[in-house]
Amino acid sequence: MSENENSQPEGVKKTLRGGVDPQVGAATRIKKGEVRNPEGKNGQDYISRALKEVFGDTAMTVKAIRGIMTGKSAIAKVMLLEKAAERLEGKVTQPVDLNLNLTLRDRMKKAKERMTNHNI
């Protein structure tokens, strides 16, 4: 096959699947090196704004905490105390014991030993 057989004749526009012109949306495509959302935020910080509003005002904060602690919900009380303790003293750590000293060679050797012992 020659080059002329693979190329389209002049005057015929190249289209994508479904007959869509490849230039559709070219003006809104992200250009090389362009960053559209540099901070990675979605712009919806409703909860953060509400918390700043509540906890920014000391009197309002005390009123909100008092309301939770005198309310009927035991779960809300426990969650409030838990979160307050985490903020004041740090999260409770849980030690994890992992043996990560095995290399792939060691693991393969042990697997071969098991296979050898199993076949006897």
Protein backbone atom coordinates (compact mmCIF):
# COMPACT_ATOMS: atom_id res chain seq x y z
CA MET A 1 0.00 0.00 0.00
CA SER A 2 1.26 3.46 -0.78
CA GLU A 3 0.87 6.56 1.35
CA ASN A 4 -1.83 7.92 -0.90
CA GLU A 5 -4.08 4.91 -0.26
CA ASN A 6 -4.03 5.46 3.55
CA SER A 7 -4.57 9.22 3.53
CA GLN A 8 -7.92 10.83 3.00
CA PRO A 9 -8.55 12.76 -0.17
CA GLU A 10 -8.25 16.54 0.05
CA GLY A 11 -11.43 18.32 0.98
CA VAL A 12 -12.68 15.44 3.17
CA LYS A 13 -12.71 16.43 6.82
CA LYS A 14 -11.44 13.91 9.39
CA THR A 15 -14.05 13.12 12.04
CA LEU A 16 -14.12 11.22 15.29
CA ARG A 17 -16.43 8.31 16.05
CA GLY A 18 -20.00 9.35 15.56
CA GLY A 19 -19.03 11.95 12.95
CA VAL A 20 -17.90 14.55 15.49
CA ASP A 21 -15.43 17.18 14.33
CA PRO A 22 -12.20 16.96 16.40
CA GLN A 23 -12.14 20.74 16.78
CA VAL A 24 -15.34 20.74 18.84
CA GLY A 25 -14.45 22.04 22.28
CA ALA A 26 -10.88 22.98 21.29
CA ALA A 27 -11.25 26.41 22.88
CA THR A 28 -12.10 24.95 26.30
CA ARG A 29 -9.55 22.12 26.41
CA ILE A 30 -6.84 22.28 29.06
CA LYS A 31 -3.64 23.56 27.49
CA LYS A 32 -0.24 22.04 28.26
CA GLY A 33 1.00 23.40 31.61
CA GLU A 34 -2.38 24.91 32.50
CA VAL A 35 -3.80 24.12 35.94
CA ARG A 36 -7.52 24.65 36.35
CA ASN A 37 -7.87 23.82 40.05
CA PRO A 38 -4.48 24.49 41.69
CA GLU A 39 -5.60 24.01 45.29
CA GLY A 40 -7.68 20.92 44.57
CA LYS A 41 -10.75 22.35 46.25
CA ASN A 42 -14.27 22.04 44.95
CA GLY A 43 -15.29 25.44 46.33
CA GLN A 44 -17.97 24.04 48.62
CA ASP A 45 -16.75 24.65 52.14
CA TYR A 46 -20.16 24.94 53.80
CA ILE A 47 -19.20 22.85 56.83
CA SER A 48 -15.93 24.71 57.37
CA ARG A 49 -17.68 28.06 57.22
CA ALA A 50 -20.37 26.90 59.63
CA LEU A 51 -17.80 25.57 62.09
CA LYS A 52 -15.79 28.79 61.92
CA GLU A 53 -18.96 30.75 62.56
CA VAL A 54 -19.94 28.60 65.56
CA PHE A 55 -16.49 28.13 67.09
CA GLY A 56 -15.19 31.58 66.20
CA ASP A 57 -17.53 33.12 68.74
CA THR A 58 -16.64 31.92 72.25
CA ALA A 59 -20.10 32.58 73.71
CA MET A 60 -21.76 30.70 70.87
CA THR A 61 -19.29 27.81 71.26
CA VAL A 62 -20.02 27.49 74.97
CA LYS A 63 -23.75 27.62 74.23
CA ALA A 64 -23.45 24.89 71.55
CA ILE A 65 -21.38 22.59 73.80
CA ARG A 66 -23.72 23.18 76.74
CA GLY A 67 -26.67 22.37 74.50
CA ILE A 68 -25.12 19.05 73.47
CA MET A 69 -24.11 18.08 77.01
CA THR A 70 -27.56 18.86 78.45
CA GLY A 71 -29.40 17.23 75.57
CA LYS A 72 -30.92 13.77 75.45
CA SER A 73 -28.52 12.19 72.93
CA ALA A 74 -25.95 10.05 74.73
CA ILE A 75 -24.16 9.39 71.43
CA ALA A 76 -23.70 13.12 70.82
CA LYS A 77 -22.23 13.53 74.31
CA VAL A 78 -19.78 10.68 73.84
CA MET A 79 -18.74 11.93 70.39
CA LEU A 80 -18.23 15.47 71.70
CA LEU A 81 -16.07 14.27 74.58
CA GLU A 82 -14.11 11.92 72.31
CA LYS A 83 -13.37 14.64 69.76
CA ALA A 84 -12.48 17.15 72.47
CA ALA A 85 -10.06 14.67 74.06
CA GLU A 86 -8.47 13.94 70.68
CA ARG A 87 -7.97 17.64 70.04
CA LEU A 88 -6.55 18.30 73.52
CA GLU A 89 -4.43 15.18 74.07
CA GLY A 90 -3.99 13.74 70.59
CA LYS A 91 -5.48 10.62 69.06
CA VAL A 92 -4.99 7.36 70.88
CA THR A 93 -2.36 5.26 69.15
CA GLN A 94 -2.64 1.55 68.68
CA PRO A 95 0.63 -0.34 68.41
CA VAL A 96 0.89 -2.70 65.46
CA ASP A 97 3.49 -5.46 65.37
CA LEU A 98 4.52 -6.36 61.84
CA ASN A 99 7.33 -8.63 60.77
CA LEU A 100 8.51 -7.02 57.56
CA ASN A 101 12.01 -8.46 57.49
CA LEU A 102 11.31 -11.20 54.95
CA THR A 103 12.66 -10.66 51.48
CA LEU A 104 11.12 -12.21 48.42
CA ARG A 105 13.98 -14.72 48.33
CA ASP A 106 13.23 -15.79 51.93
CA ARG A 107 9.54 -16.15 51.17
CA MET A 108 10.22 -18.23 48.06
CA LYS A 109 12.63 -20.44 50.03
CA LYS A 110 10.03 -21.06 52.74
CA ALA A 111 7.37 -21.81 50.13
CA LYS A 112 9.64 -24.35 48.43
CA GLU A 113 10.37 -25.97 51.82
CA ARG A 114 6.64 -26.28 52.48
CA MET A 115 6.09 -27.82 49.07
CA THR A 116 8.97 -30.27 49.59
CA ASN A 117 7.72 -31.27 53.06
CA HIS A 118 4.15 -31.60 51.81
CA ASN A 119 5.11 -33.97 48.96
CA ILE A 120 6.94 -36.44 51.22
